[in-house]
């Protein structure tokens, strides 16, 4: 296998428990060097918990009870907190959803970027600030010399998100986890941030795990997509393959609910009936069964494995050969 296809990051059977329920249950995926993997799903499906587990940042109520997180063969999940502090930022970084809640309002952005660099490099303050200035230029912030001395409240939401990207990338991590980094931004700024991230992947070879619920963003930035539902992977595929021929009912219905320009004016948008079950309502079978038009008794009683469809496309459904019916009915 060539170096370009060798997994840089492997999440293997990750299982996270909260109050006795497996809210992330046997999640596995790989990310190659320079690849963008989109982790997609509704709020509460476990995608953010998965991302936090990669950096050892789970909240106190959550506990990893199984699984490995391998970064070039080194298991991050087996590291001590001291070892993780050395790895965060240097080997794997994260951009959180809300920059206003992540940046220190009482510290200049230049100091915050420089501090992230000094965490892993024994350099002078002057050298760290020079590196911070270079990062501001790299993430497309104009008048970098002036911006270095400003506070987060003096900058727009889009600029604050660029600051978060600068902090995450200043030490050149191999993997960047982006937890819905464009959700709080307007469409124009969102497009700029996505273009910036694609440019960074192209120039630095950084791999990205991009957490989102927006299928439009997925189509724009991802190479591969892992669709999560109620803590499990429902489907994983190359992005074009997933959009062209979804192989799981949840994915098909999710794509059908995305607004399109060619729909009849004032027509009702497609929806997915029902709601996501609470963790204490998870049964033994497919967790989408209660909302799935194709569900049978087997679906409710027996969890389907991820069936290989060819070309890296896998789906956890007992009725893969009928999923096309949902797409045709929604057309």
Protein backbone atom coordinates (compact mmCIF):
# COMPACT_ATOMS: atom_id res chain seq x y z
CA UNK A 1 0.00 0.00 0.00
CA UNK A 2 1.41 3.40 -0.97
CA UNK A 3 2.17 6.02 1.66
CA UNK A 4 -0.62 8.27 0.40
CA UNK A 5 -3.25 5.64 1.22
CA UNK A 6 -1.77 4.46 4.53
CA UNK A 7 -4.06 5.57 7.38
CA UNK A 8 -2.59 8.40 9.39
CA UNK A 9 -5.38 8.18 11.96
CA UNK A 10 -7.31 5.04 12.88
CA UNK A 11 -10.28 5.08 15.24
CA UNK A 12 -10.97 1.46 16.14
CA UNK A 13 -14.12 0.28 17.97
CA UNK A 14 -14.44 3.49 20.02
CA UNK A 15 -17.12 3.08 22.68
CA UNK A 16 -18.10 5.83 25.13
CA UNK A 17 -20.51 5.39 28.01
CA UNK A 18 -22.66 7.94 29.83
CA UNK A 19 -24.84 6.77 32.74
CA UNK A 20 -24.66 3.15 31.64
CA UNK A 21 -25.61 3.78 27.98
CA UNK A 22 -23.18 3.47 25.06
CA UNK A 23 -23.66 6.87 23.46
CA UNK A 24 -20.78 6.13 21.07
CA UNK A 25 -20.88 2.45 20.20
CA UNK A 26 -18.14 0.64 18.27
CA UNK A 27 -17.23 3.58 16.01
CA UNK A 28 -14.39 2.83 13.56
CA UNK A 29 -12.91 4.80 10.66
CA UNK A 30 -9.57 5.75 9.15
CA UNK A 31 -8.16 8.99 7.77
CA UNK A 32 -5.32 9.04 5.23
CA UNK A 33 -2.63 11.70 4.99
CA UNK A 34 -3.96 14.92 3.47
CA UNK A 35 -7.55 13.63 3.53
CA UNK A 36 -10.70 15.33 4.82
CA UNK A 37 -13.13 12.96 6.50
CA UNK A 38 -16.53 14.44 7.31
CA UNK A 39 -18.26 12.99 10.35
CA UNK A 40 -21.94 13.72 9.79
CA UNK A 41 -25.08 13.35 11.86
CA UNK A 42 -27.88 15.00 13.79
CA UNK A 43 -27.26 16.77 17.09
CA UNK A 44 -26.71 14.21 19.82
CA UNK A 45 -25.52 11.42 17.53
CA UNK A 46 -22.10 11.26 19.21
CA UNK A 47 -19.92 12.96 16.62
CA UNK A 48 -18.57 15.65 18.98
CA UNK A 49 -17.93 13.10 21.73
CA UNK A 50 -15.98 11.08 19.17
CA UNK A 51 -13.88 14.13 18.33
CA UNK A 52 -13.22 14.98 21.99
CA UNK A 53 -12.16 11.38 22.67
CA UNK A 54 -9.46 11.71 20.01
CA UNK A 55 -7.74 14.37 22.13
CA UNK A 56 -8.61 12.95 25.56
CA UNK A 57 -11.04 15.80 26.24
CA UNK A 58 -14.18 13.89 27.18
CA UNK A 59 -16.44 15.61 29.74
CA UNK A 60 -16.48 14.15 33.28
CA UNK A 61 -19.80 12.36 32.72
CA UNK A 62 -18.44 10.42 29.72
CA UNK A 63 -16.10 7.44 29.92
CA UNK A 64 -14.28 5.58 27.15
CA UNK A 65 -14.84 1.90 27.84
CA UNK A 66 -13.31 0.43 24.67
CA UNK A 67 -11.44 1.34 21.52
CA UNK A 68 -8.12 2.60 20.23
CA UNK A 69 -7.20 5.92 18.59
CA UNK A 70 -4.04 5.30 16.61
CA UNK A 71 -1.99 8.17 15.22
CA UNK A 72 0.66 6.55 13.01
CA UNK A 73 0.51 3.48 15.25
CA UNK A 74 0.64 5.31 18.59
CA UNK A 75 -2.50 4.83 20.68
CA UNK A 76 -3.58 8.26 21.94
CA UNK A 77 -6.24 6.59 24.11
CA UNK A 78 -3.53 4.77 26.08
CA UNK A 79 -1.55 7.94 26.85
CA UNK A 80 -1.38 9.59 30.26
CA UNK A 81 -2.69 13.14 30.65
CA UNK A 82 0.90 14.40 30.67
CA UNK A 83 1.64 12.64 27.38
CA UNK A 84 -1.59 13.94 25.86
CA UNK A 85 -0.70 17.52 26.75
CA UNK A 86 2.48 17.09 24.71
CA UNK A 87 0.53 15.60 21.78
CA UNK A 88 -2.28 18.18 21.71
CA UNK A 89 -1.43 20.99 19.35
CA UNK A 90 1.78 19.34 18.19
CA UNK A 91 0.40 16.08 16.74
CA UNK A 92 -3.37 16.58 16.83
CA UNK A 93 -5.33 19.82 17.28
CA UNK A 94 -8.96 20.84 17.53
CA UNK A 95 -11.03 23.82 16.43
CA UNK A 96 -14.11 24.18 18.60
CA UNK A 97 -17.53 25.20 17.37
CA UNK A 98 -17.81 28.57 19.10
CA UNK A 99 -14.65 30.74 18.99
CA UNK A 100 -16.12 33.32 21.38
CA UNK A 101 -16.29 30.63 24.07
CA UNK A 102 -12.79 29.30 23.33
CA UNK A 103 -10.73 32.49 23.14
CA UNK A 104 -9.68 34.36 26.29
CA UNK A 105 -11.47 37.74 26.16
CA UNK A 106 -8.82 39.38 28.40
CA UNK A 107 -5.78 38.37 26.32
CA UNK A 108 -4.73 39.70 22.93
CA UNK A 109 -5.04 37.28 20.05
CA UNK A 110 -1.33 37.57 19.36
CA UNK A 111 -0.51 36.42 22.89
CA UNK A 112 -2.92 33.50 22.59
CA UNK A 113 -1.42 32.30 19.29
CA UNK A 114 2.14 32.78 20.57
CA UNK A 115 1.32 30.91 23.78
CA UNK A 116 0.13 27.90 21.76
CA UNK A 117 3.50 27.87 19.96
CA UNK A 118 5.53 28.18 23.16
CA UNK A 119 3.70 25.19 24.67
CA UNK A 120 5.79 22.97 22.38
CA UNK A 121 8.81 25.09 21.49
CA UNK A 122 11.44 26.63 23.78
CA UNK A 123 11.60 30.03 22.06
CA UNK A 124 11.65 33.64 23.14
CA UNK A 125 8.51 35.74 23.29
CA UNK A 126 9.73 37.79 20.35
CA UNK A 127 10.21 34.70 18.21
CA UNK A 128 6.80 33.31 19.23
CA UNK A 129 5.11 36.60 18.32
CA UNK A 130 6.86 36.62 14.94
CA UNK A 131 5.51 33.10 14.36
CA UNK A 132 2.04 34.27 15.46
CA UNK A 133 2.18 37.09 12.94
CA UNK A 134 3.12 34.65 10.18
CA UNK A 135 0.11 32.52 11.11
CA UNK A 136 -2.24 35.50 10.92
CA UNK A 137 -1.02 36.11 7.39
CA UNK A 138 -1.37 32.40 6.58
CA UNK A 139 -5.02 32.32 7.65
CA UNK A 140 -5.83 35.42 5.64
CA UNK A 141 -6.18 38.11 8.30
CA UNK A 142 -5.20 41.54 6.90
CA UNK A 143 -3.05 44.07 8.78
CA UNK A 144 -1.51 41.33 10.90
CA UNK A 145 0.78 43.69 12.86
CA UNK A 146 -2.27 45.57 14.15
CA UNK A 147 -4.49 42.52 14.73
CA UNK A 148 -1.85 40.87 16.94
CA UNK A 149 -2.57 43.44 19.66
CA UNK A 150 -6.35 43.31 19.48
CA UNK A 151 -8.72 41.40 21.76
CA UNK A 152 -11.25 38.84 20.54
CA UNK A 153 -14.20 41.19 21.14
CA UNK A 154 -12.66 43.65 18.67
CA UNK A 155 -12.80 41.10 15.86
CA UNK A 156 -15.66 39.67 13.81
CA UNK A 157 -16.87 36.09 14.21
CA UNK A 158 -15.13 35.08 11.01
CA UNK A 159 -11.83 36.61 12.15
CA UNK A 160 -12.12 34.89 15.54
CA UNK A 161 -12.59 31.56 13.79
CA UNK A 162 -9.46 32.28 11.74
CA UNK A 163 -7.63 32.96 15.02
CA UNK A 164 -8.78 29.55 16.27
CA UNK A 165 -7.45 27.94 13.09
CA UNK A 166 -4.14 29.79 13.55
CA UNK A 167 -3.86 28.50 17.14
CA UNK A 168 -4.70 24.96 16.05
CA UNK A 169 -2.18 24.92 13.20
CA UNK A 170 0.77 26.92 14.53
CA UNK A 171 2.64 23.81 15.65
CA UNK A 172 2.00 21.93 12.38
CA UNK A 173 -0.19 19.07 13.66
CA UNK A 174 -0.67 16.04 11.48
CA UNK A 175 -4.41 15.86 12.26
CA UNK A 176 -6.85 18.71 12.71
CA UNK A 177 -10.25 18.01 14.27
CA UNK A 178 -12.77 20.70 13.30
CA UNK A 179 -15.94 20.55 15.40
CA UNK A 180 -18.58 22.37 13.31
CA UNK A 181 -16.24 25.36 12.79
CA UNK A 182 -18.58 27.20 10.40
CA UNK A 183 -21.94 26.75 12.17
CA UNK A 184 -22.04 30.22 13.77
CA UNK A 185 -20.90 32.05 10.63
CA UNK A 186 -22.89 33.57 7.79
CA UNK A 187 -22.78 31.89 4.40
CA UNK A 188 -20.14 34.19 2.86
CA UNK A 189 -17.72 33.85 5.78
CA UNK A 190 -18.44 30.12 5.93
CA UNK A 191 -17.32 29.74 2.33
CA UNK A 192 -14.13 31.68 3.07
CA UNK A 193 -13.30 29.44 6.05
CA UNK A 194 -13.91 26.29 4.01
CA UNK A 195 -11.67 27.60 1.22
CA UNK A 196 -8.99 28.39 3.80
CA UNK A 197 -9.13 24.88 5.24
CA UNK A 198 -8.94 23.28 1.79
CA UNK A 199 -5.92 25.45 1.00
CA UNK A 200 -4.22 24.42 4.24
CA UNK A 201 -4.76 20.74 3.43
CA UNK A 202 -3.32 21.23 -0.04
CA UNK A 203 -0.24 23.12 1.13
CA UNK A 204 0.60 21.37 4.42
CA UNK A 205 -0.82 17.87 3.94
CA UNK A 206 -2.70 18.11 7.24
CA UNK A 207 -5.53 15.60 7.60
CA UNK A 208 -8.88 16.90 8.82
CA UNK A 209 -11.73 15.23 10.68
CA UNK A 210 -14.55 17.67 9.93
CA UNK A 211 -17.57 17.41 12.25
CA UNK A 212 -20.80 18.78 10.75
CA UNK A 213 -24.51 18.25 10.20
CA UNK A 214 -24.54 20.30 6.99
CA UNK A 215 -24.52 18.13 3.86
CA UNK A 216 -23.73 21.17 1.71
CA UNK A 217 -20.49 21.67 3.64
CA UNK A 218 -19.75 17.94 3.26
CA UNK A 219 -20.08 18.15 -0.53
CA UNK A 220 -17.74 21.15 -0.59
CA UNK A 221 -14.86 19.95 1.57
CA UNK A 222 -14.85 16.19 2.21
CA UNK A 223 -13.05 13.32 0.50
CA UNK A 224 -14.82 10.64 2.56
CA UNK A 225 -17.94 10.74 4.72
CA UNK A 226 -18.89 8.77 7.82
CA UNK A 227 -22.59 9.10 8.66
CA UNK A 228 -23.43 8.63 12.34
CA UNK A 229 -26.80 7.87 13.87
CA UNK A 230 -27.48 7.38 17.60
CA UNK A 231 -23.85 6.66 18.40
CA UNK A 232 -23.08 4.25 15.56
CA UNK A 233 -21.67 4.51 12.06
CA UNK A 234 -24.56 3.98 9.65
CA UNK A 235 -22.59 4.41 6.43
CA UNK A 236 -19.10 5.36 5.31
CA UNK A 237 -18.08 6.11 1.71
CA UNK A 238 -16.17 8.36 -0.67
CA UNK A 239 -18.12 11.62 -0.85
CA UNK A 240 -19.19 11.35 -4.50
CA UNK A 241 -20.29 7.75 -4.05
CA UNK A 242 -22.33 8.61 -0.98
CA UNK A 243 -24.22 11.40 -2.73
CA UNK A 244 -24.73 9.38 -5.91
CA UNK A 245 -25.87 6.10 -4.35
CA UNK A 246 -26.56 6.19 -0.60
CA UNK A 247 -26.73 2.66 0.79
CA UNK A 248 -28.41 3.31 4.15
CA UNK A 249 -32.02 4.50 4.64
CA UNK A 250 -30.92 7.24 7.05
CA UNK A 251 -28.40 8.64 4.55
CA UNK A 252 -30.93 8.49 1.70
CA UNK A 253 -33.58 10.31 3.74
CA UNK A 254 -31.01 12.82 5.02
CA UNK A 255 -29.98 13.68 1.46
CA UNK A 256 -33.63 13.88 0.36
CA UNK A 257 -34.32 16.47 3.09
CA UNK A 258 -31.62 18.86 1.82
CA UNK A 259 -33.31 21.85 0.10
CA UNK A 260 -32.72 21.97 -3.66
CA UNK A 261 -33.15 24.71 -6.24
CA UNK A 262 -35.21 22.48 -8.54
CA UNK A 263 -38.07 21.74 -6.12
CA UNK A 264 -41.56 23.11 -6.81
CA UNK A 265 -42.06 26.56 -5.22
CA UNK A 266 -43.82 26.39 -1.82
CA UNK A 267 -43.64 22.58 -1.85
CA UNK A 268 -43.15 20.88 1.52
CA UNK A 269 -39.57 19.84 2.23
CA UNK A 270 -38.92 16.16 2.79
CA UNK A 271 -38.53 15.20 6.46
CA UNK A 272 -37.52 12.13 8.44
CA UNK A 273 -40.45 11.03 10.56
CA UNK A 274 -39.98 10.50 14.29
CA UNK A 275 -37.06 11.51 16.48
CA UNK A 276 -33.69 10.14 17.56
CA UNK A 277 -34.12 7.72 20.50
CA UNK A 278 -32.66 8.63 23.85
CA UNK A 279 -29.71 6.48 24.97
CA UNK A 280 -31.89 4.61 27.49
CA UNK A 281 -34.22 3.68 24.60
CA UNK A 282 -31.56 2.02 22.45
CA UNK A 283 -32.61 -1.52 21.57
CA UNK A 284 -30.62 -4.53 20.39
CA UNK A 285 -31.11 -3.94 16.67
CA UNK A 286 -30.60 -1.08 14.26
CA UNK A 287 -31.04 2.21 16.10
CA UNK A 288 -32.74 3.76 13.08
CA UNK A 289 -35.40 1.04 12.94
CA UNK A 290 -38.10 3.08 14.72
CA UNK A 291 -37.95 5.74 11.96
CA UNK A 292 -37.06 3.60 8.95
CA UNK A 293 -39.66 2.91 6.22
CA UNK A 294 -37.82 -0.32 5.34
CA UNK A 295 -37.57 -1.73 8.88
CA UNK A 296 -38.55 -5.34 9.61
CA UNK A 297 -38.55 -7.46 12.76
CA UNK A 298 -34.96 -8.45 12.04
CA UNK A 299 -33.91 -4.78 12.03
CA UNK A 300 -35.44 -4.25 15.46
CA UNK A 301 -33.87 -7.40 16.93
CA UNK A 302 -30.43 -7.68 15.32
CA UNK A 303 -27.75 -5.07 14.77
CA UNK A 304 -26.48 -5.11 11.16
CA UNK A 305 -22.71 -5.04 10.57
CA UNK A 306 -21.10 -2.64 8.11
CA UNK A 307 -21.46 -4.47 4.78
CA UNK A 308 -18.81 -3.76 2.15
CA UNK A 309 -20.25 -2.30 -1.07
CA UNK A 310 -16.97 -1.95 -2.95
CA UNK A 311 -14.59 0.97 -3.28
CA UNK A 312 -14.52 1.63 0.45
CA UNK A 313 -18.30 2.08 0.62
CA UNK A 314 -19.85 0.32 3.64
CA UNK A 315 -23.35 0.40 5.07
CA UNK A 316 -24.95 -1.03 8.23
CA UNK A 317 -28.30 -2.09 6.81
CA UNK A 318 -30.08 -5.41 6.27
CA UNK A 319 -31.94 -4.00 3.24
CA UNK A 320 -29.22 -2.28 1.21
CA UNK A 321 -30.76 -3.54 -2.04
CA UNK A 322 -33.97 -1.60 -1.27
CA UNK A 323 -32.49 1.77 -0.27
CA UNK A 324 -32.86 3.01 -3.86
CA UNK A 325 -36.65 2.89 -3.35
CA UNK A 326 -36.39 5.74 -0.83
CA UNK A 327 -34.36 7.84 -3.23
CA UNK A 328 -36.82 7.21 -6.06
CA UNK A 329 -39.84 8.05 -3.88
CA UNK A 330 -38.23 11.30 -2.78
CA UNK A 331 -37.36 12.37 -6.34
